[in-house]
């Protein structure tokens, strides 16, 4: 890994919002070195799971995710601060993406 990638990984692990943003942007843009950053971060992710839910409008995706989060939190005693669910389609749904800058801007600008 490059010194810059090492620095980004260290800062992301400390919770630095700018470093987190840079890492996300690098991954989205497939910037050189992003694989090393993501690979290193993945080794520190513990037992994280990623789940994608797709379907047509009105199919109940948000309701499904809401129920799934409640079930998993209750069953495994997971504190809310350990849950991150992002609703990319319905950016107006702030239940899980209050901290998502893109969703917040979209809600602010309106349809």
Foldseek 3Di string as FASTA:
>chain_A
DDPVLVVLLVCVVVVNPVSVVVLVVCVVVVPPPNVVSVVVVVVVPPPDDDDDDDDDPPPCRVVVVVVVVVVVCVVVVDDPVVDADDDPPPLCPCPRVVVPPVSVVDNVVDD
